[in-house]
Amino acid sequence: MNSSLKKGLFLVTAIGTFSVSGEKAEAADGLETTDKIEAAFPGVGIEQVLNDCYEADAEIAVEDYLVPTEKGEYLDMAFTNVGADTFLFVRSEPTRESEWVGKLYPGSASEIIGPVGEWTKVRSGSVTGYVFTEYIITGNEAEAKAKEYAQGADAEDVREIVEHAESREEEEARLAEEARIAAEEAARIAEEQAANTATLGQAIVDYACQFIGNPYVWGGTSLTDGADCSGFVQSVYGHFGISLPRTTWDQEYSGTGIGYDEALPGDLILYEGHVGIYMGDGQIVNAINASKGIGIIPATCMSIKTVRRVI
């Protein structure tokens, strides 16, 4: 007999329990080696194994005649099999009506801790519960997927690098943190916009004040030769690349309406048939009338119709 085969057969008989063609064979204490071999292969026939070896004139791997019983390294894993924009509920009981205790997102992993039927009991991260089996990958397919994850990964066990379930409490904490970050970002943007508005608004006011004392001309738009109230505003803002309508009635709808208490330098203050540029400190610079020309007056000297932010 080929020495490799002899050694293989002897090693197999030394194993406590294994399967042969669907039958269970156990090595009995106290039997001789040859007796053990015969007891180990009641369904196959040791003579047939040997005959195959002699006729083929080649070594025969003993494991070819056996049904493996060793569990795969990752056969206890399951992977979520749902669409990219959805998730799988982990429920407290194996029913759709039971409370959900966690969520498994696409491709995340679980450990199978119960029988696989219509529902499967799993543990993933801090979550333990039941998932609908239709939406998980198990068995050899899960084993293959786990090994794909493991390739090139700097981890001894793929379980260390895969995503796990998110519990209800973890989701609530995450959403609260995301809301806090979003609020902080919104506040930062608003503060930045306010700073930019204040800077540009003050520049507009400073530019407009250069023309104090110049004449008021009905229908005019010249900052030096004369302008009316809406022409003055249109020309000042035009210098900064901001386009405004020609008349006060149209300027009433420009930009965004705000309250007077929110007004900043550079905002428009509009009245019935009149407009001016808010300077801050309760004053506006504007083309007042034919007798006073371009000058400064109190912002509340007339009834305010609307305040518009156009920068």
Protein backbone atom coordinates (compact mmCIF):
# COMPACT_ATOMS: atom_id res chain seq x y z
CA MET A 1 0.00 0.00 0.00
CA ASN A 2 1.20 3.49 -0.76
CA SER A 3 2.80 4.92 2.39
CA SER A 4 1.01 8.27 2.07
CA LEU A 5 -2.35 6.54 1.95
CA LYS A 6 -1.49 4.37 4.94
CA LYS A 7 -0.52 7.44 6.93
CA GLY A 8 -3.67 9.27 5.83
CA LEU A 9 -5.94 6.41 6.81
CA PHE A 10 -4.28 6.08 10.18
CA LEU A 11 -4.65 9.80 10.88
CA VAL A 12 -8.31 9.76 9.89
CA THR A 13 -9.05 6.91 12.27
CA ALA A 14 -7.47 8.89 15.08
CA ILE A 15 -10.16 11.57 14.75
CA GLY A 16 -12.98 11.26 17.21
CA THR A 17 -16.01 11.74 14.91
CA PHE A 18 -16.50 12.30 11.17
CA SER A 19 -19.06 11.60 8.43
CA VAL A 20 -18.79 9.03 5.64
CA SER A 21 -21.37 9.02 2.85
CA GLY A 22 -24.03 10.38 5.17
CA GLU A 23 -23.22 7.89 8.00
CA LYS A 24 -21.56 8.71 11.30
CA ALA A 25 -18.47 6.70 12.27
CA GLU A 26 -16.79 6.86 15.66
CA ALA A 27 -13.37 5.45 16.62
CA ALA A 28 -13.88 3.01 19.48
CA ASP A 29 -11.32 2.87 22.30
CA GLY A 30 -9.43 -0.45 22.57
CA LEU A 31 -9.69 -1.51 18.88
CA GLU A 32 -6.61 -2.31 16.82
CA THR A 33 -5.69 0.12 14.04
CA THR A 34 -6.98 -2.12 11.24
CA ASP A 35 -10.20 -2.70 13.17
CA LYS A 36 -10.59 1.05 13.56
CA ILE A 37 -10.17 1.56 9.84
CA GLU A 38 -12.86 -0.99 9.06
CA ALA A 39 -15.17 0.53 11.67
CA ALA A 40 -14.52 3.98 10.28
CA PHE A 41 -15.61 3.11 6.73
CA PRO A 42 -18.67 0.88 7.08
CA GLY A 43 -20.48 2.49 4.16
CA VAL A 44 -17.53 2.88 1.79
CA GLY A 45 -15.58 -0.33 2.30
CA ILE A 46 -11.88 -0.01 3.01
CA GLU A 47 -11.11 -2.66 0.37
CA GLN A 48 -12.72 -0.46 -2.29
CA VAL A 49 -10.60 2.50 -1.21
CA LEU A 50 -7.45 0.41 -1.49
CA ASN A 51 -8.48 -1.07 -4.85
CA ASP A 52 -9.02 2.42 -6.21
CA CYS A 53 -5.54 3.33 -5.08
CA TYR A 54 -3.88 0.30 -6.70
CA GLU A 55 -5.80 0.62 -9.98
CA ALA A 56 -5.05 4.34 -10.33
CA ASP A 57 -1.43 3.83 -9.30
CA ALA A 58 -1.63 7.20 -7.58
CA GLU A 59 -2.12 8.65 -4.12
CA ILE A 60 -5.73 9.10 -3.04
CA ALA A 61 -6.61 11.98 -0.72
CA VAL A 62 -8.57 10.44 2.11
CA GLU A 63 -10.60 13.64 2.54
CA ASP A 64 -12.16 12.98 -0.87
CA TYR A 65 -14.06 10.11 0.72
CA LEU A 66 -15.23 12.08 3.71
CA VAL A 67 -17.87 14.76 4.30
CA PRO A 68 -16.15 17.73 6.03
CA THR A 69 -17.54 18.51 9.46
CA GLU A 70 -15.34 21.49 10.39
CA LYS A 71 -17.32 24.74 10.33
CA GLY A 72 -16.08 27.52 8.03
CA GLU A 73 -14.40 30.45 9.74
CA TYR A 74 -17.16 32.88 8.80
CA LEU A 75 -20.16 30.60 8.32
CA ASP A 76 -21.79 32.12 11.38
CA MET A 77 -21.86 35.53 9.71
CA ALA A 78 -24.74 37.15 7.83
CA PHE A 79 -24.64 40.22 5.60
CA THR A 80 -27.51 42.61 5.02
CA ASN A 81 -28.90 42.34 1.49
CA VAL A 82 -31.04 45.45 0.93
CA GLY A 83 -31.07 48.39 -1.48
CA ALA A 84 -28.54 51.21 -1.22
CA ASP A 85 -31.04 53.71 0.16
CA THR A 86 -32.77 51.53 2.72
CA PHE A 87 -32.09 49.40 5.81
CA LEU A 88 -33.20 46.25 7.60
CA PHE A 89 -34.97 46.44 10.96
CA VAL A 90 -33.69 44.28 13.79
CA ARG A 91 -36.79 43.45 15.84
CA SER A 92 -37.24 42.39 19.46
CA GLU A 93 -39.37 39.39 18.41
CA PRO A 94 -39.66 37.41 15.15
CA THR A 95 -42.69 39.37 13.92
CA ARG A 96 -43.17 42.48 11.81
CA GLU A 97 -45.35 43.98 14.53
CA SER A 98 -42.69 43.81 17.28
CA GLU A 99 -40.63 46.82 18.32
CA TRP A 100 -37.47 47.50 16.37
CA VAL A 101 -34.28 47.64 18.42
CA GLY A 102 -31.79 48.44 15.69
CA LYS A 103 -31.14 48.95 12.00
CA LEU A 104 -28.77 47.11 9.66
CA TYR A 105 -27.62 49.15 6.68
CA PRO A 106 -26.53 47.73 3.28
CA GLY A 107 -23.56 45.37 3.54
CA SER A 108 -23.37 45.47 7.35
CA ALA A 109 -22.65 42.23 9.18
CA SER A 110 -24.25 40.17 11.93
CA GLU A 111 -23.46 37.04 13.86
CA ILE A 112 -26.10 34.32 13.57
CA ILE A 113 -27.03 33.13 17.06
CA GLY A 114 -30.25 31.24 16.30
CA PRO A 115 -31.77 28.91 13.70
CA VAL A 116 -32.19 30.25 10.17
CA GLY A 117 -35.86 30.08 9.22
CA GLU A 118 -38.28 32.75 8.09
CA TRP A 119 -36.66 34.87 10.80
CA THR A 120 -33.08 34.65 12.03
CA LYS A 121 -31.80 35.71 15.44
CA VAL A 122 -28.63 37.78 15.10
CA ARG A 123 -26.23 39.86 17.13
CA SER A 124 -24.55 42.89 15.57
CA GLY A 125 -22.64 45.47 17.55
CA SER A 126 -24.73 46.29 20.62
CA VAL A 127 -27.94 45.01 18.98
CA THR A 128 -29.48 41.55 19.44
CA GLY A 129 -32.76 40.61 17.82
CA TYR A 130 -34.51 39.09 14.81
CA VAL A 131 -34.25 39.91 11.12
CA PHE A 132 -36.32 38.71 8.18
CA THR A 133 -34.12 36.06 6.57
CA GLU A 134 -35.08 37.05 3.03
CA TYR A 135 -32.93 40.18 3.44
CA ILE A 136 -29.67 38.63 4.64
CA ILE A 137 -26.91 36.60 3.00
CA THR A 138 -25.93 33.47 4.94
CA GLY A 139 -23.94 30.25 4.62
CA ASN A 140 -21.29 29.77 1.95
CA GLU A 141 -22.25 33.01 0.23
CA ALA A 142 -21.68 34.93 3.47
CA GLU A 143 -18.39 33.08 3.99
CA ALA A 144 -17.24 34.12 0.52
CA LYS A 145 -18.29 37.73 1.10
CA ALA A 146 -16.44 37.85 4.43
CA LYS A 147 -13.27 36.60 2.76
CA GLU A 148 -13.62 39.32 0.12
CA TYR A 149 -13.71 41.90 2.92
CA ALA A 150 -10.69 40.28 4.53
CA GLN A 151 -8.52 40.49 1.41
CA GLY A 152 -6.06 43.31 1.82
CA ALA A 153 -7.59 44.39 5.12
CA ASP A 154 -5.28 45.15 8.01
CA ALA A 155 -7.22 43.03 10.49
CA GLU A 156 -6.90 39.50 11.82
CA ASP A 157 -10.66 39.03 11.81
CA VAL A 158 -13.03 40.53 9.24
CA ARG A 159 -15.54 41.12 12.05
CA GLU A 160 -13.31 43.97 13.19
CA ILE A 161 -13.70 45.98 9.98
CA VAL A 162 -17.29 45.43 8.80
CA GLU A 163 -20.17 47.75 9.63
CA HIS A 164 -22.54 46.67 12.39
CA ALA A 165 -26.11 47.46 13.37
CA GLU A 166 -27.07 50.82 14.80
CA SER A 167 -29.29 50.61 17.87
CA ARG A 168 -32.30 52.88 18.41
CA GLU A 169 -30.35 54.75 21.11
CA GLU A 170 -27.29 55.11 18.88
CA GLU A 171 -29.44 56.45 16.05
CA GLU A 172 -31.05 59.02 18.36
CA ALA A 173 -27.62 60.14 19.58
CA ARG A 174 -26.29 60.34 16.01
CA LEU A 175 -29.25 62.37 14.76
CA ALA A 176 -28.97 64.74 17.71
CA GLU A 177 -25.27 65.23 17.00
CA GLU A 178 -25.94 65.81 13.29
CA ALA A 179 -28.60 68.38 14.17
CA ARG A 180 -26.18 70.14 16.52
CA ILE A 181 -23.48 70.26 13.86
CA ALA A 182 -25.96 71.50 11.25
CA ALA A 183 -27.16 74.24 13.60
CA GLU A 184 -23.60 75.32 14.33
CA GLU A 185 -22.81 75.39 10.61
CA ALA A 186 -25.94 77.43 9.87
CA ALA A 187 -24.99 79.87 12.63
CA ARG A 188 -21.45 80.12 11.27
CA ILE A 189 -22.72 80.81 7.74
CA ALA A 190 -25.21 83.38 9.03
CA GLU A 191 -22.50 85.09 11.04
CA GLU A 192 -20.19 85.11 8.04
CA GLN A 193 -22.93 86.49 5.80
CA ALA A 194 -23.74 89.16 8.38
CA ALA A 195 -20.10 90.17 8.54
CA ASN A 196 -19.90 90.34 4.75
CA THR A 197 -23.14 92.30 4.60
CA ALA A 198 -21.93 94.72 7.25
CA THR A 199 -18.63 95.23 5.44
CA LEU A 200 -20.26 95.80 2.06
CA GLY A 201 -23.07 97.83 3.58
CA GLN A 202 -20.65 100.20 5.25
CA ALA A 203 -18.74 100.57 2.00
CA ILE A 204 -22.00 101.52 0.25
CA VAL A 205 -22.79 104.10 2.92
CA ASP A 206 -19.28 105.58 2.74
CA TYR A 207 -19.52 105.83 -1.03
CA ALA A 208 -23.00 107.43 -0.94
CA CYS A 209 -21.87 110.05 1.59
CA GLN A 210 -19.28 111.36 -0.88
CA PHE A 211 -22.15 112.99 -2.78
CA ILE A 212 -23.78 114.82 0.12
CA GLY A 213 -24.54 118.39 -0.97
CA ASN A 214 -24.99 117.53 -4.66
CA PRO A 215 -28.31 118.58 -6.23
CA TYR A 216 -31.64 116.82 -6.28
CA VAL A 217 -33.04 116.51 -9.83
CA TRP A 218 -36.42 114.93 -10.50
CA GLY A 219 -35.90 111.90 -12.77
CA GLY A 220 -32.10 112.24 -12.55
CA THR A 221 -29.58 109.46 -11.90
CA SER A 222 -26.30 111.40 -11.82
CA LEU A 223 -24.53 111.36 -8.48
CA THR A 224 -22.72 114.59 -9.38
CA ASP A 225 -25.11 116.53 -11.59
CA GLY A 226 -28.28 115.54 -9.79
CA ALA A 227 -30.57 112.59 -9.00
CA ASP A 228 -33.92 111.98 -7.38
CA CYS A 229 -34.27 109.59 -4.43
CA SER A 230 -34.63 106.33 -6.41
CA GLY A 231 -32.09 107.44 -9.05
CA PHE A 232 -29.58 108.19 -6.29
CA VAL A 233 -30.08 104.74 -4.71
CA GLN A 234 -29.93 102.97 -8.09
CA SER A 235 -26.66 104.69 -9.05
CA VAL A 236 -24.97 104.11 -5.68
CA TYR A 237 -25.75 100.38 -5.69
CA GLY A 238 -24.88 100.13 -9.40
CA HIS A 239 -21.34 101.22 -8.50
CA PHE A 240 -21.05 97.96 -6.52
CA GLY A 241 -22.52 95.81 -9.27
CA ILE A 242 -25.95 95.55 -7.64
CA SER A 243 -28.78 96.15 -10.09
CA LEU A 244 -31.94 97.82 -8.73
CA PRO A 245 -35.17 98.93 -10.45
CA ARG A 246 -35.52 102.59 -11.36
CA THR A 247 -38.51 103.62 -9.24
CA THR A 248 -39.33 103.46 -5.53
CA TRP A 249 -42.45 101.44 -6.28
CA ASP A 250 -40.36 98.71 -7.89
CA GLN A 251 -37.56 98.96 -5.34
CA GLU A 252 -40.11 98.05 -2.66
CA TYR A 253 -39.90 94.45 -3.92
CA SER A 254 -36.13 94.18 -4.29
CA GLY A 255 -34.07 91.85 -2.13
CA THR A 256 -35.47 90.46 1.11
CA GLY A 257 -37.85 92.20 3.45
CA ILE A 258 -36.68 92.60 7.08
CA GLY A 259 -37.82 94.47 10.14
CA TYR A 260 -36.51 97.95 10.93
CA ASP A 261 -34.96 96.59 14.13
CA GLU A 262 -32.85 94.26 11.94
CA ALA A 263 -31.63 97.03 9.60
CA LEU A 264 -27.89 97.29 8.95
CA PRO A 265 -25.88 99.92 7.10
CA GLY A 266 -26.53 99.50 3.38
CA ASP A 267 -30.16 98.36 3.68
CA LEU A 268 -32.90 100.27 1.89
CA ILE A 269 -35.52 102.15 3.91
CA LEU A 270 -38.64 102.80 1.82
CA TYR A 271 -41.54 105.14 2.48
CA GLU A 272 -44.58 106.13 0.48
CA GLY A 273 -42.90 107.52 -2.66
CA HIS A 274 -39.42 107.87 -1.14
CA VAL A 275 -36.29 105.76 -0.47
CA GLY A 276 -32.98 106.18 1.30
CA ILE A 277 -29.90 104.16 2.30
CA TYR A 278 -29.71 103.22 5.98
CA MET A 279 -26.50 104.45 7.62
CA GLY A 280 -27.00 102.99 11.07
CA ASP A 281 -27.73 104.96 14.26
CA GLY A 282 -31.26 105.74 12.99
CA GLN A 283 -30.22 107.78 9.95
CA ILE A 284 -30.44 107.57 6.15
CA VAL A 285 -28.48 109.21 3.37
CA ASN A 286 -30.78 110.16 0.49
CA ALA A 287 -31.71 112.63 -2.18
CA ILE A 288 -34.12 114.63 -0.03
CA ASN A 289 -35.75 117.23 -2.28
CA ALA A 290 -34.93 120.11 -4.61
CA SER A 291 -34.18 122.52 -1.76
CA LYS A 292 -31.97 120.26 0.34
CA GLY A 293 -30.33 118.07 -2.30
CA ILE A 294 -28.49 114.93 -1.18
CA GLY A 295 -28.15 114.76 2.58
CA ILE A 296 -28.82 112.92 5.85
CA ILE A 297 -32.14 112.75 7.74
CA PRO A 298 -33.61 110.59 10.54
CA ALA A 299 -34.78 107.19 9.28
CA THR A 300 -38.05 107.53 11.22
CA CYS A 301 -38.97 111.03 10.11
CA MET A 302 -41.65 109.46 7.90
CA SER A 303 -43.75 106.33 8.22
CA ILE A 304 -41.65 103.39 7.07
CA LYS A 305 -43.32 101.20 4.48
CA THR A 306 -40.68 98.43 4.19
CA VAL A 307 -37.01 97.69 4.79
CA ARG A 308 -35.20 95.70 2.09
CA ARG A 309 -31.86 93.92 2.23
CA VAL A 310 -30.39 93.83 -1.26
CA ILE A 311 -26.79 92.85 -0.49
